[in-house]
Amino acid sequence: MAIVNATDQTFNTETSEGLVLADFWAPWCGPCKMIAPVLEELDQENEAVKIVKLDVDENQETAGKYGVMSIPTLMVFKDGELVEQVVGFQPKEALAQLLEKHK
């Protein structure tokens, strides 16, 4: 599955079904750049999880709705419901465990 770039208009639709890892990020954020290849690897290794990225600079409505204060913020959605959230860079193993909990 390819990583999806969501907008304020598409975010709810993109996170409404199955297990979704949403990455709230911005182009100027150093840790966000560090986590991007980790998300790419997770995406290739884990067919059951959809990864959605949301640029907080361009989509402030959704970032505000979920109270995103620092980035990267990663949120796990299961069938449209927010089930977990972590802030800051996470190694791949930590993200894999986070997702495994909600399968």
C-alpha atoms as a PDB file:
ATOM      1  CA  MET A   1       0.000   0.000   0.000  1.00  0.00           C
ATOM      2  CA  ALA A   2       1.304   3.453  -0.785  1.00  0.00           C
ATOM      3  CA  ILE A   3       1.481   6.200   1.815  1.00  0.00           C
ATOM      4  CA  VAL A   4      -1.427   8.621   1.355  1.00  0.00           C
ATOM      5  CA  ASN A   5      -1.113  12.395   1.679  1.00  0.00           C
ATOM      6  CA  ALA A   6      -4.345  13.579   3.258  1.00  0.00           C
ATOM      7  CA  THR A   7      -5.909  17.041   3.497  1.00  0.00           C
ATOM      8  CA  ASP A   8      -8.494  18.562   5.837  1.00  0.00           C
ATOM      9  CA  GLN A   9     -11.099  17.475   3.267  1.00  0.00           C
ATOM     10  CA  THR A  10      -9.945  13.833   2.947  1.00  0.00           C
ATOM     11  CA  PHE A  11      -8.560  12.994   6.410  1.00  0.00           C
ATOM     12  CA  ASN A  12     -11.763  11.507   7.889  1.00  0.00           C
ATOM     13  CA  THR A  13     -12.345   9.360   4.814  1.00  0.00           C
ATOM     14  CA  GLU A  14      -8.731   8.153   4.750  1.00  0.00           C
ATOM     15  CA  THR A  15      -8.829   7.143   8.437  1.00  0.00           C
ATOM     16  CA  SER A  16     -12.347   5.699   8.524  1.00  0.00           C
ATOM     17  CA  GLU A  17     -11.605   2.023   7.807  1.00  0.00           C
ATOM     18  CA  GLY A  18      -9.186  -0.509   9.236  1.00  0.00           C
ATOM     19  CA  LEU A  19      -5.950   0.238  11.054  1.00  0.00           C
ATOM     20  CA  VAL A  20      -4.427   3.597  10.090  1.00  0.00           C
ATOM     21  CA  LEU A  21      -1.254   5.312  11.271  1.00  0.00           C
ATOM     22  CA  ALA A  22      -1.570   9.067  10.754  1.00  0.00           C
ATOM     23  CA  ASP A  23       1.601  11.167  10.694  1.00  0.00           C
ATOM     24  CA  PHE A  24       1.095  14.859  11.468  1.00  0.00           C
ATOM     25  CA  TRP A  25       4.201  16.565  10.064  1.00  0.00           C
ATOM     26  CA  ALA A  26       5.641  19.653   8.352  1.00  0.00           C
ATOM     27  CA  PRO A  27       8.389  20.073   5.723  1.00  0.00           C
ATOM     28  CA  TRP A  28      10.566  22.219   8.047  1.00  0.00           C
ATOM     29  CA  CYS A  29      10.518  19.712  10.934  1.00  0.00           C
ATOM     30  CA  GLY A  30      13.797  17.793  11.437  1.00  0.00           C
ATOM     31  CA  PRO A  31      12.378  14.802  13.378  1.00  0.00           C
ATOM     32  CA  CYS A  32       9.587  14.560  10.752  1.00  0.00           C
ATOM     33  CA  LYS A  33      12.243  14.096   8.056  1.00  0.00           C
ATOM     34  CA  MET A  34      13.943  11.446  10.209  1.00  0.00           C
ATOM     35  CA  ILE A  35      10.734   9.453  10.643  1.00  0.00           C
ATOM     36  CA  ALA A  36       9.760   9.518   6.936  1.00  0.00           C
ATOM     37  CA  PRO A  37      12.012   6.560   5.916  1.00  0.00           C
ATOM     38  CA  VAL A  38      10.828   4.631   8.995  1.00  0.00           C
ATOM     39  CA  LEU A  39       7.233   5.058   7.800  1.00  0.00           C
ATOM     40  CA  GLU A  40       8.227   3.967   4.280  1.00  0.00           C
ATOM     41  CA  GLU A  41       9.713   0.736   5.692  1.00  0.00           C
ATOM     42  CA  LEU A  42       6.669   0.094   7.875  1.00  0.00           C
ATOM     43  CA  ASP A  43       4.428   0.635   4.871  1.00  0.00           C
ATOM     44  CA  GLN A  44       6.335  -1.942   2.814  1.00  0.00           C
ATOM     45  CA  GLU A  45       6.476  -4.517   5.611  1.00  0.00           C
ATOM     46  CA  ASN A  46       2.960  -4.218   6.986  1.00  0.00           C
ATOM     47  CA  GLU A  47       0.146  -4.758   4.493  1.00  0.00           C
ATOM     48  CA  ALA A  48      -2.529  -4.530   7.197  1.00  0.00           C
ATOM     49  CA  VAL A  49      -1.779  -0.901   8.072  1.00  0.00           C
ATOM     50  CA  LYS A  50      -2.531   2.175   6.011  1.00  0.00           C
ATOM     51  CA  ILE A  51      -0.221   5.154   6.556  1.00  0.00           C
ATOM     52  CA  VAL A  52      -1.614   8.646   6.084  1.00  0.00           C
ATOM     53  CA  LYS A  53       0.473  11.830   6.233  1.00  0.00           C
ATOM     54  CA  LEU A  54      -1.005  15.245   6.992  1.00  0.00           C
ATOM     55  CA  ASP A  55       1.020  18.427   6.505  1.00  0.00           C
ATOM     56  CA  VAL A  56      -0.028  20.533   9.517  1.00  0.00           C
ATOM     57  CA  ASP A  57       0.955  23.826   7.851  1.00  0.00           C
ATOM     58  CA  GLU A  58      -1.469  23.236   4.988  1.00  0.00           C
ATOM     59  CA  ASN A  59      -4.181  21.472   7.008  1.00  0.00           C
ATOM     60  CA  GLN A  60      -4.546  23.366  10.269  1.00  0.00           C
ATOM     61  CA  GLU A  61      -8.199  22.482  10.759  1.00  0.00           C
ATOM     62  CA  THR A  62      -7.520  18.752  11.241  1.00  0.00           C
ATOM     63  CA  ALA A  63      -4.374  19.379  13.311  1.00  0.00           C
ATOM     64  CA  GLY A  64      -6.426  21.692  15.540  1.00  0.00           C
ATOM     65  CA  LYS A  65      -9.285  19.224  15.844  1.00  0.00           C
ATOM     66  CA  TYR A  66      -6.890  16.619  17.255  1.00  0.00           C
ATOM     67  CA  GLY A  67      -4.971  19.109  19.409  1.00  0.00           C
ATOM     68  CA  VAL A  68      -1.627  18.585  17.691  1.00  0.00           C
ATOM     69  CA  MET A  69       0.867  20.834  19.523  1.00  0.00           C
ATOM     70  CA  SER A  70       4.205  19.342  18.507  1.00  0.00           C
ATOM     71  CA  ILE A  71       5.279  17.328  15.511  1.00  0.00           C
ATOM     72  CA  PRO A  72       5.744  14.683  14.490  1.00  0.00           C
ATOM     73  CA  THR A  73       2.599  13.441  16.195  1.00  0.00           C
ATOM     74  CA  LEU A  74       1.586   9.916  15.219  1.00  0.00           C
ATOM     75  CA  MET A  75      -1.969   8.758  15.800  1.00  0.00           C
ATOM     76  CA  VAL A  76      -3.377   5.270  15.443  1.00  0.00           C
ATOM     77  CA  PHE A  77      -6.953   5.041  14.199  1.00  0.00           C
ATOM     78  CA  LYS A  78      -9.016   1.874  14.167  1.00  0.00           C
ATOM     79  CA  ASP A  79     -12.129   2.054  11.999  1.00  0.00           C
ATOM     80  CA  GLY A  80     -12.177   5.845  12.322  1.00  0.00           C
ATOM     81  CA  GLU A  81     -11.594   6.008  16.089  1.00  0.00           C
ATOM     82  CA  LEU A  82      -8.436   7.430  17.609  1.00  0.00           C
ATOM     83  CA  VAL A  83      -7.009   4.646  19.799  1.00  0.00           C
ATOM     84  CA  GLU A  84      -3.474   5.821  20.528  1.00  0.00           C
ATOM     85  CA  GLN A  85      -1.106   8.746  20.058  1.00  0.00           C
ATOM     86  CA  VAL A  86       2.655   9.279  20.375  1.00  0.00           C
ATOM     87  CA  VAL A  87       4.680  12.456  19.922  1.00  0.00           C
ATOM     88  CA  GLY A  88       8.200  12.749  18.563  1.00  0.00           C
ATOM     89  CA  PHE A  89      10.510  10.488  16.609  1.00  0.00           C
ATOM     90  CA  GLN A  90       9.849   6.770  17.167  1.00  0.00           C
ATOM     91  CA  PRO A  91      12.059   3.889  16.032  1.00  0.00           C
ATOM     92  CA  LYS A  92      10.449   1.383  13.686  1.00  0.00           C
ATOM     93  CA  GLU A  93      10.262  -1.326  16.376  1.00  0.00           C
ATOM     94  CA  ALA A  94       8.297   0.975  18.685  1.00  0.00           C
ATOM     95  CA  LEU A  95       5.830   1.858  15.927  1.00  0.00           C
ATOM     96  CA  ALA A  96       5.448  -1.790  14.932  1.00  0.00           C
ATOM     97  CA  GLN A  97       4.614  -2.706  18.554  1.00  0.00           C
ATOM     98  CA  LEU A  98       2.180   0.203  18.791  1.00  0.00           C
ATOM     99  CA  LEU A  99       0.320  -1.029  15.700  1.00  0.00           C
ATOM    100  CA  GLU A 100       0.472  -4.697  16.774  1.00  0.00           C
ATOM    101  CA  LYS A 101      -1.517  -3.809  19.915  1.00  0.00           C
ATOM    102  CA  HIS A 102      -4.470  -2.665  17.845  1.00  0.00           C
ATOM    103  CA  LYS A 103      -4.690  -5.356  15.169  1.00  0.00           C
END
